[in-house]
Amino acid sequence: MEESMAGYFKEQFDEQQVLKLIQSFDKSISHDIPYLQKLLQFLEENNSLNLVCAVMLIKN
């Protein structure tokens, strides 16, 4: 079972790990416009395009 970044770093989870997560995500999929459009559509349809859901995705 994979562990989240927050779970792995525990108390040391800070802005540095969040930036690394965002950079890795961007590097992996920013070139895939259809995927990004589907992801945004999914988040909008599920009322998940907000800061609270973003925090949950990063922490879990």
N, C-alpha and C. Protein backbone atom coordinates (compact mmCIF):
# COMPACT_ATOMS: atom_id res chain seq x y z
N MET A 1 0.83 -1.17 0.00
CA MET A 1 0.00 0.00 0.00
C MET A 1 0.89 1.25 0.00
N GLU A 2 0.58 2.18 -0.89
CA GLU A 2 1.36 3.40 -0.96
C GLU A 2 0.92 4.37 0.13
N GLU A 3 1.86 5.15 0.57
CA GLU A 3 1.59 6.13 1.62
C GLU A 3 1.63 7.52 1.00
N SER A 4 0.85 8.42 1.53
CA SER A 4 0.85 9.79 1.04
C SER A 4 2.14 10.49 1.45
N MET A 5 2.42 11.61 0.80
CA MET A 5 3.60 12.39 1.19
C MET A 5 3.50 12.85 2.63
N ALA A 6 2.31 13.32 3.01
CA ALA A 6 2.13 13.80 4.38
C ALA A 6 2.32 12.66 5.37
N GLY A 7 1.83 11.48 5.02
CA GLY A 7 2.01 10.32 5.90
C GLY A 7 3.46 9.90 6.00
N TYR A 8 4.18 10.02 4.91
CA TYR A 8 5.60 9.64 4.90
C TYR A 8 6.44 10.63 5.70
N PHE A 9 6.22 11.94 5.48
CA PHE A 9 7.04 12.95 6.13
C PHE A 9 6.56 13.31 7.54
N LYS A 10 5.30 13.00 7.83
CA LYS A 10 4.70 13.29 9.14
C LYS A 10 4.96 14.73 9.59
N GLU A 11 5.59 14.93 10.72
CA GLU A 11 5.80 16.27 11.25
C GLU A 11 6.69 17.14 10.36
N GLN A 12 7.52 16.52 9.54
CA GLN A 12 8.41 17.27 8.67
C GLN A 12 7.73 17.71 7.36
N PHE A 13 6.47 17.34 7.18
CA PHE A 13 5.74 17.73 5.98
C PHE A 13 5.52 19.24 5.99
N ASP A 14 6.11 19.91 5.03
CA ASP A 14 6.00 21.37 5.01
C ASP A 14 5.89 21.88 3.58
N GLU A 15 6.08 23.17 3.41
CA GLU A 15 5.93 23.81 2.11
C GLU A 15 6.86 23.20 1.07
N GLN A 16 8.05 22.78 1.48
CA GLN A 16 9.02 22.19 0.55
C GLN A 16 8.45 20.93 -0.11
N GLN A 17 7.81 20.06 0.67
CA GLN A 17 7.22 18.85 0.12
C GLN A 17 6.01 19.17 -0.76
N VAL A 18 5.23 20.17 -0.38
CA VAL A 18 4.07 20.57 -1.20
C VAL A 18 4.55 21.08 -2.55
N LEU A 19 5.60 21.91 -2.55
CA LEU A 19 6.14 22.40 -3.81
C LEU A 19 6.67 21.27 -4.67
N LYS A 20 7.34 20.30 -4.05
CA LYS A 20 7.86 19.15 -4.80
C LYS A 20 6.71 18.35 -5.41
N LEU A 21 5.63 18.18 -4.66
CA LEU A 21 4.46 17.48 -5.15
C LEU A 21 3.87 18.19 -6.37
N ILE A 22 3.70 19.51 -6.26
CA ILE A 22 3.13 20.28 -7.36
C ILE A 22 4.04 20.24 -8.58
N GLN A 23 5.34 20.38 -8.38
CA GLN A 23 6.28 20.32 -9.49
C GLN A 23 6.27 18.96 -10.17
N SER A 24 6.23 17.90 -9.39
CA SER A 24 6.19 16.55 -9.95
C SER A 24 4.91 16.32 -10.73
N PHE A 25 3.79 16.76 -10.17
CA PHE A 25 2.50 16.63 -10.85
C PHE A 25 2.53 17.38 -12.16
N ASP A 26 3.00 18.62 -12.13
CA ASP A 26 3.05 19.44 -13.33
C ASP A 26 3.95 18.81 -14.39
N LYS A 27 5.10 18.34 -13.99
CA LYS A 27 6.05 17.72 -14.93
C LYS A 27 5.46 16.46 -15.55
N SER A 28 4.66 15.74 -14.79
CA SER A 28 4.10 14.47 -15.26
C SER A 28 2.93 14.65 -16.21
N ILE A 29 2.05 15.64 -15.97
CA ILE A 29 0.83 15.69 -16.77
C ILE A 29 0.51 17.03 -17.41
N SER A 30 1.31 18.05 -17.20
CA SER A 30 0.95 19.36 -17.76
C SER A 30 0.89 19.36 -19.28
N HIS A 31 1.57 18.44 -19.91
CA HIS A 31 1.56 18.35 -21.37
C HIS A 31 0.32 17.62 -21.90
N ASP A 32 -0.41 16.97 -21.03
CA ASP A 32 -1.57 16.16 -21.43
C ASP A 32 -2.86 16.96 -21.23
N ILE A 33 -3.14 17.83 -22.18
CA ILE A 33 -4.29 18.74 -22.08
C ILE A 33 -5.62 17.99 -21.93
N PRO A 34 -5.88 16.93 -22.71
CA PRO A 34 -7.15 16.21 -22.52
C PRO A 34 -7.31 15.65 -21.10
N TYR A 35 -6.22 15.15 -20.52
CA TYR A 35 -6.30 14.63 -19.15
C TYR A 35 -6.62 15.75 -18.18
N LEU A 36 -5.96 16.88 -18.32
CA LEU A 36 -6.21 18.01 -17.43
C LEU A 36 -7.66 18.49 -17.54
N GLN A 37 -8.18 18.52 -18.77
CA GLN A 37 -9.57 18.93 -18.96
C GLN A 37 -10.53 17.96 -18.27
N LYS A 38 -10.27 16.66 -18.40
CA LYS A 38 -11.11 15.65 -17.74
C LYS A 38 -11.01 15.76 -16.22
N LEU A 39 -9.81 16.01 -15.73
CA LEU A 39 -9.61 16.16 -14.30
C LEU A 39 -10.38 17.36 -13.76
N LEU A 40 -10.26 18.49 -14.42
CA LEU A 40 -11.00 19.68 -14.00
C LEU A 40 -12.50 19.47 -14.08
N GLN A 41 -12.96 18.81 -15.13
CA GLN A 41 -14.39 18.52 -15.26
C GLN A 41 -14.86 17.64 -14.11
N PHE A 42 -14.08 16.61 -13.79
CA PHE A 42 -14.43 15.71 -12.70
C PHE A 42 -14.52 16.48 -11.38
N LEU A 43 -13.51 17.32 -11.11
CA LEU A 43 -13.50 18.09 -9.86
C LEU A 43 -14.69 19.04 -9.79
N GLU A 44 -15.00 19.70 -10.90
CA GLU A 44 -16.15 20.62 -10.93
C GLU A 44 -17.46 19.88 -10.71
N GLU A 45 -17.64 18.73 -11.40
CA GLU A 45 -18.88 17.96 -11.27
C GLU A 45 -19.09 17.43 -9.87
N ASN A 46 -18.01 17.24 -9.13
CA ASN A 46 -18.09 16.70 -7.78
C ASN A 46 -17.89 17.77 -6.71
N ASN A 47 -18.05 19.03 -7.10
CA ASN A 47 -17.88 20.16 -6.17
C ASN A 47 -16.59 20.05 -5.36
N SER A 48 -15.52 19.65 -6.04
CA SER A 48 -14.24 19.43 -5.36
C SER A 48 -13.17 20.41 -5.80
N LEU A 49 -13.56 21.44 -6.50
CA LEU A 49 -12.59 22.42 -6.99
C LEU A 49 -12.51 23.57 -5.99
N ASN A 50 -11.92 23.25 -4.82
CA ASN A 50 -11.78 24.25 -3.77
C ASN A 50 -10.58 23.92 -2.89
N LEU A 51 -10.22 24.84 -2.04
CA LEU A 51 -9.02 24.69 -1.21
C LEU A 51 -9.14 23.51 -0.24
N VAL A 52 -10.30 23.30 0.32
CA VAL A 52 -10.47 22.20 1.28
C VAL A 52 -10.17 20.86 0.61
N CYS A 53 -10.69 20.65 -0.58
CA CYS A 53 -10.44 19.39 -1.29
C CYS A 53 -8.98 19.29 -1.71
N ALA A 54 -8.37 20.40 -2.09
CA ALA A 54 -6.95 20.37 -2.46
C ALA A 54 -6.09 19.93 -1.27
N VAL A 55 -6.40 20.45 -0.10
CA VAL A 55 -5.66 20.08 1.11
C VAL A 55 -5.85 18.59 1.39
N MET A 56 -7.07 18.09 1.24
CA MET A 56 -7.32 16.67 1.48
C MET A 56 -6.56 15.80 0.49
N LEU A 57 -6.49 16.20 -0.76
CA LEU A 57 -5.75 15.43 -1.75
C LEU A 57 -4.26 15.40 -1.43
N ILE A 58 -3.72 16.51 -0.95
CA ILE A 58 -2.31 16.55 -0.61
C ILE A 58 -2.01 15.74 0.65
N LYS A 59 -2.89 15.84 1.64
CA LYS A 59 -2.66 15.15 2.91
C LYS A 59 -2.94 13.66 2.84
N ASN A 60 -3.82 13.23 1.93
CA ASN A 60 -4.17 11.81 1.87
C ASN A 60 -3.44 11.16 0.80
